[in-house]
Structure formats: structure tokens, C-alpha cells
N, C-alpha and C. Protein backbone atom coordinates (compact mmCIF):
# COMPACT_ATOMS: atom_id res chain seq x y z
N UNK A 1 -6.43 -1.56 -6.87
CA UNK A 1 -5.64 -2.33 -6.34
C UNK A 1 -5.74 -3.66 -6.59
N UNK A 2 -4.78 -4.60 -6.63
CA UNK A 2 -5.15 -6.04 -7.08
C UNK A 2 -4.76 -6.75 -5.79
N UNK A 3 -5.37 -7.93 -5.75
CA UNK A 3 -4.93 -8.79 -4.65
C UNK A 3 -4.52 -10.20 -5.23
N UNK A 4 -3.46 -10.73 -4.56
CA UNK A 4 -3.18 -12.09 -5.16
C UNK A 4 -4.12 -13.16 -4.76
N UNK A 5 -3.92 -14.38 -5.24
CA UNK A 5 -4.58 -15.57 -4.82
C UNK A 5 -4.38 -15.95 -3.40
N UNK A 6 -3.53 -15.50 -2.78
CA UNK A 6 -3.19 -15.85 -1.41
C UNK A 6 -3.86 -14.73 -0.50
N UNK A 7 -4.53 -13.83 -0.92
CA UNK A 7 -5.02 -12.78 -0.08
C UNK A 7 -6.58 -13.16 0.08
N UNK A 8 -6.89 -12.87 1.49
CA UNK A 8 -8.19 -13.47 2.03
C UNK A 8 -9.46 -12.62 0.93
N UNK A 9 -10.56 -13.21 0.85
CA UNK A 9 -11.67 -12.51 0.32
C UNK A 9 -12.12 -11.25 1.02
N UNK A 10 -12.65 -10.52 0.33
CA UNK A 10 -13.08 -9.04 0.87
C UNK A 10 -13.61 -9.03 2.27
N UNK A 11 -14.67 -10.00 2.43
CA UNK A 11 -15.59 -10.01 3.72
C UNK A 11 -14.54 -10.40 4.90
N UNK A 12 -13.66 -11.22 4.71
CA UNK A 12 -12.53 -11.70 5.51
C UNK A 12 -11.58 -10.68 5.80
N UNK A 13 -11.32 -10.05 5.04
CA UNK A 13 -10.38 -8.72 5.06
C UNK A 13 -11.10 -7.47 6.04
N UNK A 14 -12.31 -7.29 5.63
CA UNK A 14 -13.14 -6.38 6.55
C UNK A 14 -13.21 -6.90 8.08
N UNK A 15 -13.31 -8.21 8.17
CA UNK A 15 -13.52 -8.81 9.48
C UNK A 15 -12.10 -8.56 10.27
N UNK A 16 -11.12 -8.79 9.61
CA UNK A 16 -9.98 -8.79 10.07
C UNK A 16 -9.48 -7.21 10.36
N UNK A 17 -9.82 -6.32 9.70
CA UNK A 17 -9.78 -4.82 9.86
C UNK A 17 -10.53 -4.62 11.26
N UNK A 18 -11.69 -4.98 11.30
CA UNK A 18 -12.46 -4.73 12.48
C UNK A 18 -11.91 -5.08 13.86
N UNK A 19 -11.23 -6.33 13.49
CA UNK A 19 -10.66 -6.98 14.87
C UNK A 19 -9.37 -6.04 15.20
N UNK A 20 -8.61 -5.69 14.18
CA UNK A 20 -7.62 -4.73 14.55
C UNK A 20 -8.10 -3.41 15.12
N UNK A 21 -9.28 -2.93 14.64
CA UNK A 21 -9.67 -1.83 15.18
C UNK A 21 -9.90 -1.90 16.62
N UNK A 22 -10.69 -3.18 16.98
CA UNK A 22 -10.99 -3.43 18.34
C UNK A 22 -9.69 -3.40 19.22
N UNK A 23 -8.81 -4.03 18.77
CA UNK A 23 -7.46 -4.23 19.35
C UNK A 23 -6.81 -2.73 19.59
N UNK A 24 -6.92 -1.98 18.58
CA UNK A 24 -6.37 -0.58 18.92
C UNK A 24 -7.21 0.29 19.78
N UNK A 25 -8.53 0.03 19.92
CA UNK A 25 -9.23 0.74 21.01
C UNK A 25 -8.87 0.30 22.21
N UNK A 26 -8.59 -1.02 22.45
CA UNK A 26 -8.10 -1.51 23.63
C UNK A 26 -6.81 -1.11 24.15
N UNK A 27 -5.95 -0.92 23.14
CA UNK A 27 -4.72 -0.21 23.54
C UNK A 27 -4.85 0.99 24.12
N UNK A 28 -5.88 1.83 23.49
CA UNK A 28 -5.98 3.24 24.11
C UNK A 28 -6.53 3.07 25.55
N UNK A 29 -7.63 2.33 25.57
CA UNK A 29 -8.23 2.15 26.89
C UNK A 29 -7.19 1.51 27.90
N UNK A 30 -6.21 0.76 27.67
CA UNK A 30 -5.29 0.35 28.59
C UNK A 30 -4.23 1.47 28.89
N UNK A 31 -4.13 2.47 28.10
CA UNK A 31 -3.28 3.61 28.44
C UNK A 31 -4.20 4.98 28.75
N UNK A 32 -5.29 4.60 29.52
CA UNK A 32 -6.11 5.60 30.00
C UNK A 32 -6.89 6.51 29.26
N UNK A 33 -7.19 6.10 27.95
CA UNK A 33 -8.24 6.96 27.07
C UNK A 33 -9.61 6.15 27.27
N UNK A 34 -10.44 7.29 27.12
CA UNK A 34 -11.93 6.70 26.96
C UNK A 34 -12.36 6.57 25.36
N UNK A 35 -12.86 5.61 24.86
CA UNK A 35 -13.31 5.71 23.45
C UNK A 35 -14.54 6.19 23.46
N UNK A 36 -14.47 7.22 22.77
CA UNK A 36 -15.86 8.01 22.39
C UNK A 36 -16.62 7.31 21.31
N UNK A 37 -15.99 7.05 20.03
CA UNK A 37 -16.62 6.39 19.00
C UNK A 37 -15.75 5.54 18.24
N UNK A 38 -16.25 4.59 17.51
CA UNK A 38 -15.58 3.71 16.57
C UNK A 38 -16.44 3.73 15.42
N UNK A 39 -15.69 3.91 14.20
CA UNK A 39 -16.25 3.96 12.86
C UNK A 39 -17.17 5.15 12.71
N UNK A 40 -16.86 6.30 13.16
CA UNK A 40 -17.72 7.37 13.04
C UNK A 40 -17.77 7.97 11.57
N UNK A 41 -18.79 8.21 11.03
CA UNK A 41 -19.04 8.85 9.67
C UNK A 41 -19.40 9.98 9.47
N UNK A 42 -18.81 10.60 8.42
CA UNK A 42 -19.10 12.00 7.94
C UNK A 42 -19.24 11.83 6.33
N UNK A 43 -20.56 11.56 5.86
CA UNK A 43 -20.49 11.29 4.50
C UNK A 43 -19.82 10.15 4.21
N UNK A 44 -18.92 10.05 3.16
CA UNK A 44 -18.15 8.75 2.68
C UNK A 44 -16.83 8.69 3.49
N UNK A 45 -16.49 9.69 4.47
CA UNK A 45 -15.32 9.74 5.18
C UNK A 45 -15.74 9.20 6.62
N UNK A 46 -14.60 8.42 7.10
CA UNK A 46 -14.70 7.65 8.16
C UNK A 46 -13.45 7.91 9.24
N UNK A 47 -13.70 8.16 10.47
CA UNK A 47 -12.84 8.06 11.38
C UNK A 47 -12.89 6.72 12.19
N UNK A 48 -11.85 5.79 12.15
CA UNK A 48 -11.85 4.47 12.84
C UNK A 48 -12.25 4.59 14.17
N UNK A 49 -11.29 5.49 15.08
CA UNK A 49 -11.51 5.69 16.44
C UNK A 49 -11.38 6.95 17.03
N UNK A 50 -12.36 7.47 17.87
CA UNK A 50 -11.91 8.61 18.63
C UNK A 50 -11.82 8.48 19.89
N UNK A 51 -10.84 8.79 20.65
CA UNK A 51 -10.49 8.65 21.91
C UNK A 51 -10.20 9.94 22.78
N UNK A 52 -10.53 9.81 23.92
CA UNK A 52 -10.31 11.25 24.88
C UNK A 52 -9.48 10.78 26.16
N UNK A 53 -8.74 11.50 26.51
CA UNK A 53 -8.02 11.67 27.68
C UNK A 53 -7.66 13.06 28.34
N UNK A 54 -8.63 13.23 29.29
CA UNK A 54 -8.49 14.57 29.90
C UNK A 54 -9.16 15.61 28.82
N UNK A 55 -8.46 16.57 28.39
CA UNK A 55 -8.91 17.55 27.44
C UNK A 55 -7.86 17.23 26.09
N UNK A 56 -7.68 16.07 25.89
CA UNK A 56 -6.99 15.52 24.61
C UNK A 56 -7.84 14.72 23.76
N UNK A 57 -8.11 15.13 22.54
CA UNK A 57 -9.03 14.31 21.86
C UNK A 57 -8.12 13.76 20.75
N UNK A 58 -8.11 12.44 20.54
CA UNK A 58 -7.41 11.95 19.25
C UNK A 58 -8.26 11.28 18.34
N UNK A 59 -7.76 11.44 17.23
CA UNK A 59 -8.55 10.79 15.94
C UNK A 59 -7.63 9.83 15.64
N UNK A 60 -8.09 8.53 15.45
CA UNK A 60 -7.04 7.21 15.22
C UNK A 60 -7.50 6.83 13.76
N UNK A 61 -6.48 6.62 13.04
CA UNK A 61 -6.61 5.82 11.90
C UNK A 61 -5.69 4.64 12.08
N UNK A 62 -6.42 3.26 11.54
CA UNK A 62 -5.94 2.04 11.71
C UNK A 62 -5.70 1.29 10.29
N UNK A 63 -4.46 0.88 10.28
CA UNK A 63 -4.08 0.35 9.00
C UNK A 63 -3.42 -1.00 9.21
N UNK A 64 -3.35 -2.03 8.36
CA UNK A 64 -2.74 -3.11 8.68
C UNK A 64 -2.37 -4.02 7.31
N UNK A 65 -1.43 -4.72 7.52
CA UNK A 65 -0.91 -5.40 6.22
C UNK A 65 -0.36 -6.85 7.00
N UNK A 66 -0.23 -7.81 6.10
CA UNK A 66 0.33 -9.00 6.52
C UNK A 66 1.81 -9.06 6.37
N UNK A 67 2.20 -8.13 5.55
CA UNK A 67 3.59 -7.95 5.31
C UNK A 67 4.05 -6.58 4.94
N UNK A 68 5.36 -6.13 4.89
CA UNK A 68 5.97 -4.88 4.70
C UNK A 68 6.38 -5.02 3.36
N UNK A 69 6.24 -6.22 2.56
CA UNK A 69 6.63 -6.33 1.16
C UNK A 69 6.42 -5.20 0.20
N UNK A 70 5.07 -4.54 0.20
CA UNK A 70 4.79 -3.53 -0.58
C UNK A 70 4.73 -2.39 0.26
N UNK A 71 5.56 -1.94 1.03
CA UNK A 71 5.59 -0.72 1.93
C UNK A 71 4.76 -1.05 3.38
N UNK A 72 5.12 -0.09 4.25
CA UNK A 72 4.64 -0.28 5.32
C UNK A 72 3.20 0.50 5.42
N UNK A 73 2.23 -0.16 6.23
CA UNK A 73 0.74 0.61 6.26
C UNK A 73 0.73 1.83 6.44
N UNK A 74 1.74 2.45 7.36
CA UNK A 74 1.59 3.84 7.66
C UNK A 74 1.87 4.58 6.40
N UNK A 75 2.23 4.22 5.47
CA UNK A 75 2.65 5.00 4.08
C UNK A 75 1.32 5.03 3.48
N UNK A 76 0.40 4.35 3.81
CA UNK A 76 -1.07 4.41 3.04
C UNK A 76 -1.71 5.63 3.49
N UNK A 77 -1.22 6.24 4.58
CA UNK A 77 -1.84 7.58 5.05
C UNK A 77 -1.39 8.72 4.23
N UNK A 78 -1.98 8.90 3.20
CA UNK A 78 -1.57 9.86 2.25
C UNK A 78 -2.17 11.09 2.31
N UNK A 79 -1.96 12.03 1.48
CA UNK A 79 -2.33 13.63 1.62
C UNK A 79 -3.87 13.63 1.35
N UNK A 80 -4.42 12.74 0.46
CA UNK A 80 -5.80 12.60 0.44
C UNK A 80 -6.60 12.11 1.45
N UNK A 81 -5.96 11.03 2.22
CA UNK A 81 -6.56 10.53 3.66
C UNK A 81 -6.43 11.45 4.71
N UNK A 82 -5.21 12.37 4.80
CA UNK A 82 -5.15 13.07 5.71
C UNK A 82 -6.32 14.18 5.59
N UNK A 83 -6.43 14.76 4.30
CA UNK A 83 -7.52 15.67 4.23
C UNK A 83 -8.99 15.16 4.35
N UNK A 84 -9.34 14.04 4.24
CA UNK A 84 -10.53 13.27 4.57
C UNK A 84 -10.80 13.26 6.01
N UNK A 85 -9.63 12.80 6.80
CA UNK A 85 -9.70 12.78 8.32
C UNK A 85 -9.80 14.11 8.97
N UNK A 86 -9.33 14.85 8.32
CA UNK A 86 -9.26 16.50 8.77
C UNK A 86 -10.65 16.82 8.78
N UNK A 87 -11.21 16.64 7.54
CA UNK A 87 -12.78 17.12 7.30
C UNK A 87 -13.58 16.65 8.22
N UNK A 88 -13.55 15.34 8.38
CA UNK A 88 -14.27 14.46 9.40
C UNK A 88 -14.00 14.83 10.82
N UNK A 89 -12.82 15.12 11.05
CA UNK A 89 -12.62 15.50 12.52
C UNK A 89 -13.21 16.77 12.91
N UNK A 90 -13.25 17.80 11.96
CA UNK A 90 -13.83 18.98 12.01
C UNK A 90 -15.29 18.87 12.29
N UNK A 91 -15.93 18.04 11.46
CA UNK A 91 -17.55 17.64 11.58
C UNK A 91 -17.64 17.25 12.86
N UNK A 92 -16.87 16.28 13.44
CA UNK A 92 -17.12 15.45 14.57
C UNK A 92 -17.09 16.59 15.70
N UNK A 93 -16.28 17.29 15.73
CA UNK A 93 -16.11 18.41 16.76
C UNK A 93 -17.33 19.28 16.85
N UNK A 94 -17.77 19.44 15.61
CA UNK A 94 -19.12 20.30 15.52
C UNK A 94 -20.42 19.53 16.07
N UNK A 95 -20.38 18.31 15.52
CA UNK A 95 -21.59 17.74 15.68
C UNK A 95 -21.71 17.34 17.31
N UNK A 96 -20.55 16.99 17.82
CA UNK A 96 -20.51 16.77 19.44
C UNK A 96 -20.23 17.96 20.27
N UNK A 97 -20.39 18.98 19.68
CA UNK A 97 -20.19 20.24 20.34
C UNK A 97 -18.86 20.35 21.33
N UNK A 98 -17.75 20.02 20.77
CA UNK A 98 -16.52 19.82 21.47
C UNK A 98 -15.73 21.11 21.24
N UNK A 99 -15.19 21.72 22.13
CA UNK A 99 -14.40 22.97 21.87
C UNK A 99 -13.39 23.02 23.26
N UNK A 100 -12.30 23.69 22.92
CA UNK A 100 -11.41 23.93 24.00
C UNK A 100 -10.46 22.64 24.32
N UNK A 101 -10.23 21.89 23.53
CA UNK A 101 -9.56 20.67 23.53
C UNK A 101 -8.50 20.71 22.82
N UNK A 102 -7.14 20.01 23.21
CA UNK A 102 -6.22 19.73 22.41
C UNK A 102 -6.54 18.62 21.45
N UNK A 103 -6.05 18.60 20.10
CA UNK A 103 -6.37 17.61 19.05
C UNK A 103 -5.06 16.91 18.69
N UNK A 104 -5.16 15.65 18.28
CA UNK A 104 -4.18 15.04 17.89
C UNK A 104 -4.73 14.01 16.76
N UNK A 105 -3.82 13.77 15.87
CA UNK A 105 -4.07 12.58 14.82
C UNK A 105 -3.09 11.39 14.85
N UNK A 106 -3.53 10.19 15.40
CA UNK A 106 -2.57 8.99 15.49
C UNK A 106 -2.80 8.11 14.44
N UNK A 107 -1.88 7.34 14.14
CA UNK A 107 -2.06 6.19 13.25
C UNK A 107 -1.73 4.95 13.91
N UNK A 108 -2.45 3.90 13.92
CA UNK A 108 -2.25 2.49 14.69
C UNK A 108 -2.05 1.77 13.45
N UNK A 109 -0.72 0.98 13.35
CA UNK A 109 -0.76 -0.11 12.26
C UNK A 109 -0.59 -1.58 12.95
N UNK A 110 -0.86 -2.42 12.17
CA UNK A 110 -0.56 -3.95 12.49
C UNK A 110 0.09 -4.48 11.32
N UNK A 111 1.26 -4.86 11.43
CA UNK A 111 1.91 -5.57 10.42
C UNK A 111 2.08 -7.08 11.17
N UNK A 112 1.49 -7.88 10.29
CA UNK A 112 1.64 -9.44 10.80
C UNK A 112 1.22 -9.41 12.26
N UNK A 113 0.13 -8.58 12.52
CA UNK A 113 -0.57 -8.82 13.97
C UNK A 113 0.18 -8.09 15.02
N UNK A 114 1.46 -7.46 14.58
CA UNK A 114 1.95 -6.70 15.61
C UNK A 114 1.42 -5.22 15.56
N UNK A 115 1.24 -4.75 16.79
CA UNK A 115 0.65 -3.20 16.87
C UNK A 115 1.85 -2.18 17.01
N UNK A 116 1.67 -1.03 16.22
CA UNK A 116 2.73 0.08 16.03
C UNK A 116 1.78 1.12 16.30
N UNK A 117 2.17 2.02 17.26
CA UNK A 117 1.60 3.24 17.59
C UNK A 117 2.31 4.46 17.10
N UNK A 118 1.78 5.30 16.25
CA UNK A 118 2.50 6.56 15.61
C UNK A 118 1.67 7.74 16.23
N UNK A 119 1.92 8.24 17.49
CA UNK A 119 1.36 9.41 18.06
C UNK A 119 1.47 10.51 17.24
N UNK A 120 0.62 11.43 16.91
CA UNK A 120 0.90 12.81 16.42
C UNK A 120 1.49 12.58 15.04
N UNK A 121 0.95 11.60 14.28
CA UNK A 121 1.14 11.21 13.04
C UNK A 121 1.19 12.26 11.90
N UNK A 122 0.34 12.99 11.85
CA UNK A 122 0.32 14.20 10.78
C UNK A 122 -0.53 15.33 11.45
N UNK A 123 -0.44 16.49 10.86
CA UNK A 123 -1.23 17.71 11.34
C UNK A 123 -2.26 17.64 10.59
N UNK A 124 -3.20 18.51 10.97
CA UNK A 124 -4.57 18.72 10.17
C UNK A 124 -4.15 19.37 8.88
N UNK A 125 -4.79 18.95 7.93
CA UNK A 125 -4.73 19.60 6.64
C UNK A 125 -5.41 20.85 6.53
N UNK A 126 -5.17 21.85 5.75
CA UNK A 126 -5.65 23.25 5.73
C UNK A 126 -6.72 23.37 4.70
């Protein structure tokens, strides 16, 4: 992936991404969810946010873009990303000894700073 001269440096992009993850976590908290983890890692795989509401566990992927010029950020959650998130979610459930809960995978995007929530964005890959 290449970036234009107008794109912020990598360090700044990482900071912007972290800010959006904080905003996404606050969105879930404001909607009655408890944030269990942020940036949970399983090897090189990462779950941006894990939230819980009663018996529902939601694994959240956060994507952002300054524009839709090159497509919507939700389109960057491809089959490879779904497989990685699914594997990480399975490991998360085992490591945290969670069972008997409903599971959901959501995507939260930010386009030019505006939050868009895609509940149940995809099913776990097999």
C-alpha cells in the first residue's frame, strides 16, 4: 500500500487509529456494553475491542479512512481478516474461559471522523 504526500506519517496514523478505537469503545459503553479488552492479541492477530452485554460477547474491528475515494473502510475487512479475527476470537474465549454466550462480530468505521456501526457484519469463518 502506498500513501500520498498528503497522508500523515505512520506514527500519526497509529495515534489516529487508537483515538478511533477509544471512540468506538465509548460508543459501546454508551449503549450498555462493558468493554472487556482493547487491542487483545493472539500471536500476530489482534482484536481491536471486545465488549459484553449480558450473555452477548461482541468482537469489534475498527477501520477508518479520511475519504471514501478508494472505497469504504468496511470493504477492507476481507476474508483473510475475517479468518484472523475468527481465530483470535476462538483463542480469546478459551483463554478467558468463556462459554455459553452468544457471539457477534461487528465492524465500526470512521470516515472523515463520522462513526458508522455494522452489527453482525460477518459470520465466523470455519
